[in-house]
Amino acid sequence: MIRVMIERRVIPELDDLYRQLSKDTLVEAGNVEGFISGEALQDRHKPTHYYVVATWKSEVFWERWLQSETRKHLSSQIRHVLEEDERYTVLRSVV
């Protein structure tokens, strides 16, 4: 099992649109094989900074989703509301 943390910096006036697009993306990911769960989070002190933490059965499933046409399409929509490209980190448990 892995977790993927996606970090995004949203253009302030496009915050509402970002929230909807992020929700749509998590809903779509929920229909993908290997997806376990996802959570969207907002930085309390920097309200235009968002994080998505998704849990996948393995990195293979995450990579399939990352390269899928569905995610590419959704990511291109999200990119229009971001100040910079999203960053993601693949994490694994060490204990």
PDB file of N, CA and C in Angstrom:
ATOM      1  N   MET A   1       0.841  -1.177   0.000  1.00  0.00           N
ATOM      2  CA  MET A   1       0.000   0.000   0.000  1.00  0.00           C
ATOM      3  C   MET A   1       0.886   1.239   0.000  1.00  0.00           C
ATOM      4  N   ILE A   2       0.468   2.237  -0.763  1.00  0.00           N
ATOM      5  CA  ILE A   2       1.198   3.511  -0.799  1.00  0.00           C
ATOM      6  C   ILE A   2       0.215   4.665  -0.588  1.00  0.00           C
ATOM      7  N   ARG A   3       0.768   5.796  -0.277  1.00  0.00           N
ATOM      8  CA  ARG A   3      -0.013   7.032  -0.244  1.00  0.00           C
ATOM      9  C   ARG A   3       0.667   8.007  -1.196  1.00  0.00           C
ATOM     10  N   VAL A   4      -0.156   8.785  -1.851  1.00  0.00           N
ATOM     11  CA  VAL A   4       0.345   9.820  -2.745  1.00  0.00           C
ATOM     12  C   VAL A   4      -0.151  11.155  -2.208  1.00  0.00           C
ATOM     13  N   MET A   5       0.790  12.080  -1.997  1.00  0.00           N
ATOM     14  CA  MET A   5       0.429  13.418  -1.551  1.00  0.00           C
ATOM     15  C   MET A   5       0.612  14.366  -2.733  1.00  0.00           C
ATOM     16  N   ILE A   6      -0.473  15.000  -3.122  1.00  0.00           N
ATOM     17  CA  ILE A   6      -0.451  15.962  -4.222  1.00  0.00           C
ATOM     18  C   ILE A   6      -0.591  17.349  -3.620  1.00  0.00           C
ATOM     19  N   GLU A   7       0.312  18.243  -3.999  1.00  0.00           N
ATOM     20  CA  GLU A   7       0.320  19.607  -3.476  1.00  0.00           C
ATOM     21  C   GLU A   7      -0.040  20.566  -4.598  1.00  0.00           C
ATOM     22  N   ARG A   8      -0.988  21.462  -4.298  1.00  0.00           N
ATOM     23  CA  ARG A   8      -1.432  22.429  -5.311  1.00  0.00           C
ATOM     24  C   ARG A   8      -1.558  23.820  -4.699  1.00  0.00           C
ATOM     25  N   ARG A   9      -1.168  24.829  -5.490  1.00  0.00           N
ATOM     26  CA  ARG A   9      -1.301  26.240  -5.114  1.00  0.00           C
ATOM     27  C   ARG A   9      -2.333  26.859  -6.056  1.00  0.00           C
ATOM     28  N   VAL A  10      -3.458  27.261  -5.502  1.00  0.00           N
ATOM     29  CA  VAL A  10      -4.595  27.702  -6.303  1.00  0.00           C
ATOM     30  C   VAL A  10      -4.608  29.223  -6.445  1.00  0.00           C
ATOM     31  N   ILE A  11      -4.971  29.696  -7.628  1.00  0.00           N
ATOM     32  CA  ILE A  11      -5.194  31.127  -7.846  1.00  0.00           C
ATOM     33  C   ILE A  11      -6.384  31.520  -6.968  1.00  0.00           C
ATOM     34  N   PRO A  12      -6.215  32.510  -6.088  1.00  0.00           N
ATOM     35  CA  PRO A  12      -7.251  32.807  -5.087  1.00  0.00           C
ATOM     36  C   PRO A  12      -8.664  32.984  -5.643  1.00  0.00           C
ATOM     37  N   GLU A  13      -8.818  33.707  -6.710  1.00  0.00           N
ATOM     38  CA  GLU A  13     -10.166  33.961  -7.226  1.00  0.00           C
ATOM     39  C   GLU A  13     -10.792  32.748  -7.918  1.00  0.00           C
ATOM     40  N   LEU A  14     -10.031  31.665  -8.056  1.00  0.00           N
ATOM     41  CA  LEU A  14     -10.545  30.445  -8.690  1.00  0.00           C
ATOM     42  C   LEU A  14     -10.703  29.303  -7.681  1.00  0.00           C
ATOM     43  N   ASP A  15     -10.721  29.662  -6.423  1.00  0.00           N
ATOM     44  CA  ASP A  15     -10.803  28.685  -5.336  1.00  0.00           C
ATOM     45  C   ASP A  15     -12.043  27.797  -5.446  1.00  0.00           C
ATOM     46  N   ASP A  16     -13.201  28.368  -5.675  1.00  0.00           N
ATOM     47  CA  ASP A  16     -14.431  27.575  -5.755  1.00  0.00           C
ATOM     48  C   ASP A  16     -14.384  26.586  -6.913  1.00  0.00           C
ATOM     49  N   LEU A  17     -13.885  27.027  -8.043  1.00  0.00           N
ATOM     50  CA  LEU A  17     -13.763  26.142  -9.199  1.00  0.00           C
ATOM     51  C   LEU A  17     -12.785  25.008  -8.881  1.00  0.00           C
ATOM     52  N   TYR A  18     -11.671  25.343  -8.245  1.00  0.00           N
ATOM     53  CA  TYR A  18     -10.708  24.307  -7.870  1.00  0.00           C
ATOM     54  C   TYR A  18     -11.355  23.251  -6.983  1.00  0.00           C
ATOM     55  N   ARG A  19     -12.106  23.686  -5.990  1.00  0.00           N
ATOM     56  CA  ARG A  19     -12.737  22.731  -5.065  1.00  0.00           C
ATOM     57  C   ARG A  19     -13.637  21.751  -5.817  1.00  0.00           C
ATOM     58  N   GLN A  20     -14.386  22.257  -6.783  1.00  0.00           N
ATOM     59  CA  GLN A  20     -15.264  21.367  -7.552  1.00  0.00           C
ATOM     60  C   GLN A  20     -14.451  20.401  -8.421  1.00  0.00           C
ATOM     61  N   LEU A  21     -13.418  20.918  -9.085  1.00  0.00           N
ATOM     62  CA  LEU A  21     -12.582  20.064  -9.926  1.00  0.00           C
ATOM     63  C   LEU A  21     -11.855  18.996  -9.102  1.00  0.00           C
ATOM     64  N   SER A  22     -11.397  19.375  -7.932  1.00  0.00           N
ATOM     65  CA  SER A  22     -10.720  18.430  -7.052  1.00  0.00           C
ATOM     66  C   SER A  22     -11.689  17.339  -6.610  1.00  0.00           C
ATOM     67  N   LYS A  23     -12.893  17.732  -6.261  1.00  0.00           N
ATOM     68  CA  LYS A  23     -13.921  16.758  -5.867  1.00  0.00           C
ATOM     69  C   LYS A  23     -14.222  15.810  -7.022  1.00  0.00           C
ATOM     70  N   ASP A  24     -14.383  16.362  -8.225  1.00  0.00           N
ATOM     71  CA  ASP A  24     -14.655  15.539  -9.405  1.00  0.00           C
ATOM     72  C   ASP A  24     -13.539  14.522  -9.641  1.00  0.00           C
ATOM     73  N   THR A  25     -12.300  14.955  -9.441  1.00  0.00           N
ATOM     74  CA  THR A  25     -11.155  14.071  -9.649  1.00  0.00           C
ATOM     75  C   THR A  25     -11.142  12.935  -8.625  1.00  0.00           C
ATOM     76  N   LEU A  26     -11.430  13.254  -7.368  1.00  0.00           N
ATOM     77  CA  LEU A  26     -11.475  12.206  -6.352  1.00  0.00           C
ATOM     78  C   LEU A  26     -12.610  11.217  -6.621  1.00  0.00           C
ATOM     79  N   VAL A  27     -13.739  11.713  -7.095  1.00  0.00           N
ATOM     80  CA  VAL A  27     -14.851  10.819  -7.437  1.00  0.00           C
ATOM     81  C   VAL A  27     -14.432   9.872  -8.555  1.00  0.00           C
ATOM     82  N   GLU A  28     -13.796  10.400  -9.585  1.00  0.00           N
ATOM     83  CA  GLU A  28     -13.332   9.555 -10.699  1.00  0.00           C
ATOM     84  C   GLU A  28     -12.287   8.541 -10.230  1.00  0.00           C
ATOM     85  N   ALA A  29     -11.364   8.987  -9.397  1.00  0.00           N
ATOM     86  CA  ALA A  29     -10.338   8.074  -8.884  1.00  0.00           C
ATOM     87  C   ALA A  29     -10.985   6.947  -8.086  1.00  0.00           C
ATOM     88  N   GLY A  30     -12.079   7.250  -7.403  1.00  0.00           N
ATOM     89  CA  GLY A  30     -12.780   6.246  -6.617  1.00  0.00           C
ATOM     90  C   GLY A  30     -13.316   5.099  -7.447  1.00  0.00           C
ATOM     91  N   ASN A  31     -13.449   5.303  -8.750  1.00  0.00           N
ATOM     92  CA  ASN A  31     -13.938   4.266  -9.657  1.00  0.00           C
ATOM     93  C   ASN A  31     -12.822   3.448 -10.292  1.00  0.00           C
ATOM     94  N   VAL A  32     -11.583   3.736  -9.911  1.00  0.00           N
ATOM     95  CA  VAL A  32     -10.420   3.116 -10.540  1.00  0.00           C
ATOM     96  C   VAL A  32      -9.921   1.952  -9.691  1.00  0.00           C
ATOM     97  N   GLU A  33      -9.559   0.864 -10.363  1.00  0.00           N
ATOM     98  CA  GLU A  33      -9.018  -0.295  -9.662  1.00  0.00           C
ATOM     99  C   GLU A  33      -7.750   0.101  -8.895  1.00  0.00           C
ATOM    100  N   GLY A  34      -7.672  -0.328  -7.656  1.00  0.00           N
ATOM    101  CA  GLY A  34      -6.494  -0.075  -6.845  1.00  0.00           C
ATOM    102  C   GLY A  34      -6.603   1.132  -5.937  1.00  0.00           C
ATOM    103  N   PHE A  35      -7.592   1.992  -6.175  1.00  0.00           N
ATOM    104  CA  PHE A  35      -7.793   3.166  -5.326  1.00  0.00           C
ATOM    105  C   PHE A  35      -8.464   2.723  -4.037  1.00  0.00           C
ATOM    106  N   ILE A  36      -7.921   3.155  -2.901  1.00  0.00           N
ATOM    107  CA  ILE A  36      -8.493   2.789  -1.605  1.00  0.00           C
ATOM    108  C   ILE A  36      -9.273   3.954  -1.010  1.00  0.00           C
ATOM    109  N   SER A  37      -8.625   5.121  -0.926  1.00  0.00           N
ATOM    110  CA  SER A  37      -9.296   6.283  -0.338  1.00  0.00           C
ATOM    111  C   SER A  37      -8.561   7.556  -0.731  1.00  0.00           C
ATOM    112  N   GLY A  38      -9.237   8.681  -0.534  1.00  0.00           N
ATOM    113  CA  GLY A  38      -8.617   9.972  -0.804  1.00  0.00           C
ATOM    114  C   GLY A  38      -9.211  11.040   0.085  1.00  0.00           C
ATOM    115  N   GLU A  39      -8.392  12.013   0.386  1.00  0.00           N
ATOM    116  CA  GLU A  39      -8.824  13.105   1.243  1.00  0.00           C
ATOM    117  C   GLU A  39      -8.242  14.405   0.703  1.00  0.00           C
ATOM    118  N   ALA A  40      -9.084  15.427   0.612  1.00  0.00           N
ATOM    119  CA  ALA A  40      -8.638  16.752   0.178  1.00  0.00           C
ATOM    120  C   ALA A  40      -8.480  17.624   1.425  1.00  0.00           C
ATOM    121  N   LEU A  41      -7.339  18.290   1.522  1.00  0.00           N
ATOM    122  CA  LEU A  41      -7.012  19.100   2.697  1.00  0.00           C
ATOM    123  C   LEU A  41      -6.586  20.499   2.285  1.00  0.00           C
ATOM    124  N   GLN A  42      -6.841  21.463   3.165  1.00  0.00           N
ATOM    125  CA  GLN A  42      -6.450  22.851   2.928  1.00  0.00           C
ATOM    126  C   GLN A  42      -5.536  23.299   4.064  1.00  0.00           C
ATOM    127  N   ASP A  43      -4.467  23.990   3.721  1.00  0.00           N
ATOM    128  CA  ASP A  43      -3.547  24.538   4.716  1.00  0.00           C
ATOM    129  C   ASP A  43      -4.285  25.619   5.520  1.00  0.00           C
ATOM    130  N   ARG A  44      -4.320  25.479   6.814  1.00  0.00           N
ATOM    131  CA  ARG A  44      -5.034  26.448   7.670  1.00  0.00           C
ATOM    132  C   ARG A  44      -4.438  27.847   7.601  1.00  0.00           C
ATOM    133  N   HIS A  45      -3.137  27.937   7.375  1.00  0.00           N
ATOM    134  CA  HIS A  45      -2.468  29.229   7.419  1.00  0.00           C
ATOM    135  C   HIS A  45      -2.202  29.815   6.042  1.00  0.00           C
ATOM    136  N   LYS A  46      -2.354  29.018   5.016  1.00  0.00           N
ATOM    137  CA  LYS A  46      -2.180  29.456   3.633  1.00  0.00           C
ATOM    138  C   LYS A  46      -3.374  28.903   2.848  1.00  0.00           C
ATOM    139  N   PRO A  47      -4.506  29.611   2.863  1.00  0.00           N
ATOM    140  CA  PRO A  47      -5.749  29.048   2.339  1.00  0.00           C
ATOM    141  C   PRO A  47      -5.772  28.731   0.849  1.00  0.00           C
ATOM    142  N   THR A  48      -4.790  29.170   0.098  1.00  0.00           N
ATOM    143  CA  THR A  48      -4.747  28.798  -1.326  1.00  0.00           C
ATOM    144  C   THR A  48      -3.853  27.588  -1.570  1.00  0.00           C
ATOM    145  N   HIS A  49      -3.359  26.986  -0.514  1.00  0.00           N
ATOM    146  CA  HIS A  49      -2.519  25.790  -0.611  1.00  0.00           C
ATOM    147  C   HIS A  49      -3.367  24.571  -0.239  1.00  0.00           C
ATOM    148  N   TYR A  50      -3.437  23.642  -1.159  1.00  0.00           N
ATOM    149  CA  TYR A  50      -4.247  22.444  -0.975  1.00  0.00           C
ATOM    150  C   TYR A  50      -3.390  21.198  -1.133  1.00  0.00           C
ATOM    151  N   TYR A  51      -3.841  20.136  -0.493  1.00  0.00           N
ATOM    152  CA  TYR A  51      -3.186  18.847  -0.580  1.00  0.00           C
ATOM    153  C   TYR A  51      -4.255  17.779  -0.786  1.00  0.00           C
ATOM    154  N   VAL A  52      -3.926  16.787  -1.557  1.00  0.00           N
ATOM    155  CA  VAL A  52      -4.757  15.598  -1.676  1.00  0.00           C
ATOM    156  C   VAL A  52      -3.889  14.429  -1.241  1.00  0.00           C
ATOM    157  N   VAL A  53      -4.404  13.633  -0.334  1.00  0.00           N
ATOM    158  CA  VAL A  53      -3.697  12.436   0.108  1.00  0.00           C
ATOM    159  C   VAL A  53      -4.548  11.250  -0.322  1.00  0.00           C
ATOM    160  N   ALA A  54      -4.002  10.454  -1.216  1.00  0.00           N
ATOM    161  CA  ALA A  54      -4.718   9.299  -1.755  1.00  0.00           C
ATOM    162  C   ALA A  54      -3.978   8.024  -1.388  1.00  0.00           C
ATOM    163  N   THR A  55      -4.726   7.008  -1.048  1.00  0.00           N
ATOM    164  CA  THR A  55      -4.169   5.707  -0.715  1.00  0.00           C
ATOM    165  C   THR A  55      -4.485   4.742  -1.847  1.00  0.00           C
ATOM    166  N   TRP A  56      -3.433   4.060  -2.306  1.00  0.00           N
ATOM    167  CA  TRP A  56      -3.538   3.104  -3.416  1.00  0.00           C
ATOM    168  C   TRP A  56      -3.009   1.751  -2.965  1.00  0.00           C
ATOM    169  N   LYS A  57      -3.518   0.686  -3.576  1.00  0.00           N
ATOM    170  CA  LYS A  57      -3.056  -0.667  -3.227  1.00  0.00           C
ATOM    171  C   LYS A  57      -1.575  -0.844  -3.516  1.00  0.00           C
ATOM    172  N   SER A  58      -1.093  -0.227  -4.600  1.00  0.00           N
ATOM    173  CA  SER A  58       0.335  -0.280  -4.925  1.00  0.00           C
ATOM    174  C   SER A  58       0.666   0.859  -5.880  1.00  0.00           C
ATOM    175  N   GLU A  59       1.951   1.070  -6.085  1.00  0.00           N
ATOM    176  CA  GLU A  59       2.396   2.123  -6.992  1.00  0.00           C
ATOM    177  C   GLU A  59       2.001   1.812  -8.433  1.00  0.00           C
ATOM    178  N   VAL A  60       1.847   0.557  -8.763  1.00  0.00           N
ATOM    179  CA  VAL A  60       1.413   0.174 -10.113  1.00  0.00           C
ATOM    180  C   VAL A  60       0.043   0.779 -10.417  1.00  0.00           C
ATOM    181  N   PHE A  61      -0.886   0.697  -9.457  1.00  0.00           N
ATOM    182  CA  PHE A  61      -2.224   1.249  -9.666  1.00  0.00           C
ATOM    183  C   PHE A  61      -2.182   2.772  -9.766  1.00  0.00           C
ATOM    184  N   TRP A  62      -1.367   3.399  -8.925  1.00  0.00           N
ATOM    185  CA  TRP A  62      -1.216   4.857  -8.997  1.00  0.00           C
ATOM    186  C   TRP A  62      -0.674   5.268 -10.366  1.00  0.00           C
ATOM    187  N   GLU A  63       0.347   4.582 -10.848  1.00  0.00           N
ATOM    188  CA  GLU A  63       0.946   4.913 -12.146  1.00  0.00           C
ATOM    189  C   GLU A  63      -0.063   4.755 -13.287  1.00  0.00           C
ATOM    190  N   ARG A  64      -0.890   3.711 -13.211  1.00  0.00           N
ATOM    191  CA  ARG A  64      -1.937   3.534 -14.233  1.00  0.00           C
ATOM    192  C   ARG A  64      -2.886   4.716 -14.236  1.00  0.00           C
ATOM    193  N   TRP A  65      -3.305   5.128 -13.038  1.00  0.00           N
ATOM    194  CA  TRP A  65      -4.202   6.287 -12.919  1.00  0.00           C
ATOM    195  C   TRP A  65      -3.503   7.550 -13.405  1.00  0.00           C
ATOM    196  N   LEU A  66      -2.275   7.746 -13.013  1.00  0.00           N
ATOM    197  CA  LEU A  66      -1.514   8.932 -13.402  1.00  0.00           C
ATOM    198  C   LEU A  66      -1.417   9.052 -14.914  1.00  0.00           C
ATOM    199  N   GLN A  67      -1.250   7.936 -15.613  1.00  0.00           N
ATOM    200  CA  GLN A  67      -1.088   7.942 -17.072  1.00  0.00           C
ATOM    201  C   GLN A  67      -2.407   7.809 -17.832  1.00  0.00           C
ATOM    202  N   SER A  68      -3.512   7.654 -17.124  1.00  0.00           N
ATOM    203  CA  SER A  68      -4.801   7.452 -17.786  1.00  0.00           C
ATOM    204  C   SER A  68      -5.282   8.733 -18.477  1.00  0.00           C
ATOM    205  N   GLU A  69      -6.026   8.551 -19.537  1.00  0.00           N
ATOM    206  CA  GLU A  69      -6.588   9.698 -20.262  1.00  0.00           C
ATOM    207  C   GLU A  69      -7.546  10.481 -19.374  1.00  0.00           C
ATOM    208  N   THR A  70      -8.273   9.787 -18.511  1.00  0.00           N
ATOM    209  CA  THR A  70      -9.213  10.465 -17.609  1.00  0.00           C
ATOM    210  C   THR A  70      -8.479  11.415 -16.686  1.00  0.00           C
ATOM    211  N   ARG A  71      -7.407  10.933 -16.051  1.00  0.00           N
ATOM    212  CA  ARG A  71      -6.673  11.816 -15.139  1.00  0.00           C
ATOM    213  C   ARG A  71      -5.979  12.940 -15.901  1.00  0.00           C
ATOM    214  N   LYS A  72      -5.443  12.646 -17.050  1.00  0.00           N
ATOM    215  CA  LYS A  72      -4.796  13.697 -17.836  1.00  0.00           C
ATOM    216  C   LYS A  72      -5.786  14.809 -18.173  1.00  0.00           C
ATOM    217  N   HIS A  73      -7.000  14.422 -18.532  1.00  0.00           N
ATOM    218  CA  HIS A  73      -8.034  15.410 -18.850  1.00  0.00           C
ATOM    219  C   HIS A  73      -8.392  16.238 -17.607  1.00  0.00           C
ATOM    220  N   LEU A  74      -8.639  15.568 -16.487  1.00  0.00           N
ATOM    221  CA  LEU A  74      -8.991  16.276 -15.256  1.00  0.00           C
ATOM    222  C   LEU A  74      -7.842  17.177 -14.791  1.00  0.00           C
ATOM    223  N   SER A  75      -6.615  16.683 -14.895  1.00  0.00           N
ATOM    224  CA  SER A  75      -5.451  17.476 -14.484  1.00  0.00           C
ATOM    225  C   SER A  75      -5.273  18.715 -15.343  1.00  0.00           C
ATOM    226  N   SER A  76      -5.596  18.599 -16.627  1.00  0.00           N
ATOM    227  CA  SER A  76      -5.474  19.783 -17.496  1.00  0.00           C
ATOM    228  C   SER A  76      -6.487  20.850 -17.103  1.00  0.00           C
ATOM    229  N   GLN A  77      -7.655  20.434 -16.645  1.00  0.00           N
ATOM    230  CA  GLN A  77      -8.648  21.399 -16.164  1.00  0.00           C
ATOM    231  C   GLN A  77      -8.171  22.055 -14.873  1.00  0.00           C
ATOM    232  N   ILE A  78      -7.639  21.245 -13.970  1.00  0.00           N
ATOM    233  CA  ILE A  78      -7.139  21.774 -12.698  1.00  0.00           C
ATOM    234  C   ILE A  78      -5.969  22.715 -12.932  1.00  0.00           C
ATOM    235  N   ARG A  79      -5.114  22.389 -13.876  1.00  0.00           N
ATOM    236  CA  ARG A  79      -3.919  23.213 -14.137  1.00  0.00           C
ATOM    237  C   ARG A  79      -4.273  24.676 -14.405  1.00  0.00           C
ATOM    238  N   HIS A  80      -5.446  24.914 -14.992  1.00  0.00           N
ATOM    239  CA  HIS A  80      -5.868  26.287 -15.323  1.00  0.00           C
ATOM    240  C   HIS A  80      -6.201  27.126 -14.086  1.00  0.00           C
ATOM    241  N   VAL A  81      -6.384  26.489 -12.949  1.00  0.00           N
ATOM    242  CA  VAL A  81      -6.710  27.243 -11.738  1.00  0.00           C
ATOM    243  C   VAL A  81      -5.539  27.290 -10.754  1.00  0.00           C
ATOM    244  N   LEU A  82      -4.381  26.791 -11.181  1.00  0.00           N
ATOM    245  CA  LEU A  82      -3.207  26.740 -10.304  1.00  0.00           C
ATOM    246  C   LEU A  82      -2.207  27.838 -10.625  1.00  0.00           C
ATOM    247  N   GLU A  83      -1.508  28.275  -9.604  1.00  0.00           N
ATOM    248  CA  GLU A  83      -0.435  29.258  -9.774  1.00  0.00           C
ATOM    249  C   GLU A  83       0.813  28.627 -10.372  1.00  0.00           C
ATOM    250  N   GLU A  84       0.979  27.329 -10.165  1.00  0.00           N
ATOM    251  CA  GLU A  84       2.148  26.592 -10.654  1.00  0.00           C
ATOM    252  C   GLU A  84       1.741  25.134 -10.825  1.00  0.00           C
ATOM    253  N   ASP A  85       2.566  24.343 -11.468  1.00  0.00           N
ATOM    254  CA  ASP A  85       2.254  22.928 -11.645  1.00  0.00           C
ATOM    255  C   ASP A  85       2.129  22.223 -10.299  1.00  0.00           C
ATOM    256  N   GLU A  86       1.210  21.259 -10.244  1.00  0.00           N
ATOM    257  CA  GLU A  86       1.081  20.467  -9.029  1.00  0.00           C
ATOM    258  C   GLU A  86       2.343  19.634  -8.833  1.00  0.00           C
ATOM    259  N   ARG A  87       2.578  19.264  -7.579  1.00  0.00           N
ATOM    260  CA  ARG A  87       3.682  18.371  -7.245  1.00  0.00           C
ATOM    261  C   ARG A  87       3.096  17.186  -6.497  1.00  0.00           C
ATOM    262  N   TYR A  88       3.662  16.034  -6.718  1.00  0.00           N
ATOM    263  CA  TYR A  88       3.198  14.884  -5.953  1.00  0.00           C
ATOM    264  C   TYR A  88       4.390  14.093  -5.446  1.00  0.00           C
ATOM    265  N   THR A  89       4.128  13.410  -4.330  1.00  0.00           N
ATOM    266  CA  THR A  89       5.129  12.581  -3.675  1.00  0.00           C
ATOM    267  C   THR A  89       4.489  11.238  -3.372  1.00  0.00           C
ATOM    268  N   VAL A  90       5.179  10.164  -3.720  1.00  0.00           N
ATOM    269  CA  VAL A  90       4.706   8.820  -3.418  1.00  0.00           C
ATOM    270  C   VAL A  90       5.349   8.396  -2.096  1.00  0.00           C
ATOM    271  N   LEU A  91       4.511   8.005  -1.148  1.00  0.00           N
ATOM    272  CA  LEU A  91       4.959   7.669   0.199  1.00  0.00           C
ATOM    273  C   LEU A  91       4.651   6.217   0.531  1.00  0.00           C
ATOM    274  N   ARG A  92       5.499   5.623   1.351  1.00  0.00           N
ATOM    275  CA  ARG A  92       5.232   4.265   1.824  1.00  0.00           C
ATOM    276  C   ARG A  92       5.496   4.220   3.318  1.00  0.00           C
ATOM    277  N   SER A  93       4.867   3.297   3.967  1.00  0.00           N
ATOM    278  CA  SER A  93       5.032   3.119   5.410  1.00  0.00           C
ATOM    279  C   SER A  93       6.406   2.521   5.682  1.00  0.00           C
ATOM    280  N   VAL A  94       7.024   2.977   6.751  1.00  0.00           N
ATOM    281  CA  VAL A  94       8.336   2.445   7.128  1.00  0.00           C
ATOM    282  C   VAL A  94       8.266   1.635   8.414  1.00  0.00           C
ATOM    283  N   VAL A  95       7.099   1.548   8.995  1.00  0.00           N
ATOM    284  CA  VAL A  95       6.943   0.795  10.244  1.00  0.00           C
ATOM    285  C   VAL A  95       6.006  -0.361  10.029  1.00  0.00           C
TER     286      VAL A  95
END
